[in-house]
Amino acid sequence: MKIRAGFVSNSSSTSFLILAADDLTRENFFQLMGVSPKSPLAGIFRELHEALIDGAESPVDLRDIDESIPVTEWLDGFRGEISPRMVEKLQDAKKRGLKVYYGHLDSESSQTETFFCCDSFEAENEKFYLNALECAW
């Protein structure tokens, strides 16, 4: 058996999908996450918002998607499988004319991203749906 005494790193990433009626402003994001801008945790959520914006691909406007194209092809090139539950969410988002942002957080980018890559989370309000369930769609 070999034991390594030096620094060991194991990177991680978490995929995310955001369905949005409005732009992903910081104010809208704080409302989604239930965080006050005056909260002691506001800095962490500012960094998470920036990481989501930086990690997102260009939004896909579902109104521009041809009805004949299967939902699973809407996010062409996206890593991983999309679960039946997420297919339903996407179909509903298309009916509502929402935008879809998708991308990933990377544990090697910042402490905030590392923290959120170590957990799965989901949030929803009347304007947004955020799914970051570790590629478990």
Protein backbone atom coordinates (compact mmCIF):
# COMPACT_ATOMS: atom_id res chain seq x y z
CA MET A 1 0.00 0.00 0.00
CA LYS A 2 1.23 3.52 -0.81
CA ILE A 3 0.33 6.53 1.30
CA ARG A 4 0.61 9.97 -0.21
CA ALA A 5 1.86 12.61 2.21
CA GLY A 6 1.65 15.59 -0.17
CA PHE A 7 -1.26 17.76 -1.28
CA VAL A 8 -4.12 15.82 -2.86
CA SER A 9 -6.78 17.52 -4.91
CA ASN A 10 -9.98 16.09 -6.29
CA SER A 11 -11.92 18.55 -8.38
CA SER A 12 -15.67 18.51 -8.70
CA SER A 13 -18.31 20.26 -10.72
CA THR A 14 -22.04 20.74 -10.47
CA SER A 15 -24.19 21.31 -13.49
CA PHE A 16 -27.04 23.76 -13.25
CA LEU A 17 -30.12 24.66 -15.18
CA ILE A 18 -32.02 27.91 -14.69
CA LEU A 19 -35.46 28.59 -16.11
CA ALA A 20 -36.14 32.32 -16.04
CA ALA A 21 -38.93 34.74 -16.86
CA ASP A 22 -36.68 37.73 -16.14
CA ASP A 23 -32.98 38.56 -16.37
CA LEU A 24 -30.65 36.99 -13.84
CA THR A 25 -29.98 40.18 -11.93
CA ARG A 26 -28.43 40.04 -8.49
CA GLU A 27 -31.64 41.38 -6.96
CA ASN A 28 -33.72 38.64 -8.62
CA PHE A 29 -31.20 36.01 -7.57
CA PHE A 30 -31.25 37.15 -3.93
CA GLN A 31 -35.06 36.96 -3.97
CA LEU A 32 -34.89 33.44 -5.39
CA MET A 33 -32.42 32.31 -2.72
CA GLY A 34 -34.28 34.12 0.09
CA VAL A 35 -31.23 36.19 1.04
CA SER A 36 -31.31 39.82 2.13
CA PRO A 37 -28.62 42.08 0.64
CA LYS A 38 -27.83 43.05 4.25
CA SER A 39 -27.37 39.45 5.40
CA PRO A 40 -23.95 38.39 6.72
CA LEU A 41 -24.09 35.73 3.97
CA ALA A 42 -24.78 38.23 1.17
CA GLY A 43 -21.14 38.14 0.01
CA ILE A 44 -21.29 34.38 -0.55
CA PHE A 45 -24.48 34.70 -2.57
CA ARG A 46 -23.04 37.60 -4.60
CA GLU A 47 -20.14 35.31 -5.51
CA LEU A 48 -22.52 32.44 -6.31
CA HIS A 49 -24.57 34.73 -8.56
CA GLU A 50 -21.41 35.82 -10.39
CA ALA A 51 -20.29 32.18 -10.72
CA LEU A 52 -23.65 31.19 -12.20
CA ILE A 53 -23.53 34.08 -14.68
CA ASP A 54 -19.92 33.29 -15.61
CA GLY A 55 -20.60 29.54 -15.84
CA ALA A 56 -23.78 29.84 -17.91
CA GLU A 57 -23.96 29.29 -21.61
CA SER A 58 -25.90 31.88 -23.58
CA PRO A 59 -29.59 31.66 -22.72
CA VAL A 60 -31.82 29.57 -24.94
CA ASP A 61 -35.11 31.33 -25.64
CA LEU A 62 -37.59 28.46 -25.77
CA ARG A 63 -39.95 30.43 -28.01
CA ASP A 64 -37.33 30.03 -30.76
CA ILE A 65 -37.29 26.22 -30.53
CA ASP A 66 -39.11 24.35 -33.30
CA GLU A 67 -41.97 22.26 -31.88
CA SER A 68 -40.73 19.20 -33.79
CA ILE A 69 -37.36 19.14 -31.98
CA PRO A 70 -37.32 16.77 -28.96
CA VAL A 71 -36.75 18.41 -25.57
CA THR A 72 -33.58 16.38 -25.02
CA GLU A 73 -32.02 18.11 -28.04
CA TRP A 74 -32.81 21.67 -26.90
CA LEU A 75 -29.61 21.85 -24.94
CA ASP A 76 -27.38 20.38 -27.63
CA GLY A 77 -23.96 19.48 -26.29
CA PHE A 78 -25.04 19.55 -22.66
CA ARG A 79 -23.28 16.95 -20.51
CA GLY A 80 -25.30 14.18 -18.93
CA GLU A 81 -28.81 12.90 -19.19
CA ILE A 82 -31.93 14.92 -18.53
CA SER A 83 -34.37 13.18 -16.19
CA PRO A 84 -38.07 12.84 -17.03
CA ARG A 85 -38.81 15.42 -14.29
CA MET A 86 -36.53 17.97 -15.96
CA VAL A 87 -38.06 17.21 -19.38
CA GLU A 88 -41.45 18.13 -17.85
CA LYS A 89 -39.97 21.34 -16.38
CA LEU A 90 -38.52 22.27 -19.78
CA GLN A 91 -41.79 21.54 -21.58
CA ASP A 92 -43.64 23.73 -19.08
CA ALA A 93 -41.01 26.47 -19.47
CA LYS A 94 -41.48 26.37 -23.24
CA LYS A 95 -45.25 26.83 -22.84
CA ARG A 96 -44.58 29.79 -20.53
CA GLY A 97 -42.02 31.35 -22.92
CA LEU A 98 -39.12 31.22 -20.45
CA LYS A 99 -35.40 31.37 -21.11
CA VAL A 100 -33.08 28.51 -20.18
CA TYR A 101 -29.56 29.04 -18.88
CA TYR A 102 -27.34 26.03 -18.37
CA GLY A 103 -23.74 25.55 -17.36
CA HIS A 104 -21.64 24.34 -14.47
CA LEU A 105 -19.88 25.41 -11.31
CA ASP A 106 -16.29 24.24 -10.85
CA SER A 107 -14.68 23.48 -7.49
CA GLU A 108 -11.31 24.73 -8.71
CA SER A 109 -12.55 28.25 -9.44
CA SER A 110 -13.29 29.78 -6.03
CA GLN A 111 -14.08 28.85 -2.45
CA THR A 112 -17.73 29.73 -3.01
CA GLU A 113 -17.98 27.47 -6.06
CA THR A 114 -16.17 24.73 -4.16
CA PHE A 115 -18.71 24.99 -1.33
CA PHE A 116 -21.70 24.79 -3.68
CA CYS A 117 -20.11 21.97 -5.73
CA CYS A 118 -20.08 19.84 -2.58
CA ASP A 119 -23.86 19.90 -2.29
CA SER A 120 -26.96 19.64 -4.43
CA PHE A 121 -29.54 22.39 -4.32
CA GLU A 122 -32.72 23.53 -5.94
CA ALA A 123 -34.69 26.77 -5.61
CA GLU A 124 -37.88 28.07 -7.18
CA ASN A 125 -40.08 31.14 -7.08
CA GLU A 126 -42.55 32.74 -9.49
CA LYS A 127 -39.75 34.11 -11.73
CA PHE A 128 -37.02 31.45 -11.59
CA TYR A 129 -36.26 27.79 -11.21
CA LEU A 130 -32.67 26.83 -10.34
CA ASN A 131 -31.63 23.19 -10.43
CA ALA A 132 -28.09 22.31 -9.34
CA LEU A 133 -28.53 18.68 -8.43
CA GLU A 134 -25.05 17.46 -9.43
CA CYS A 135 -25.90 16.36 -12.95
CA ALA A 136 -28.74 14.25 -11.55
CA TRP A 137 -31.31 15.37 -14.09
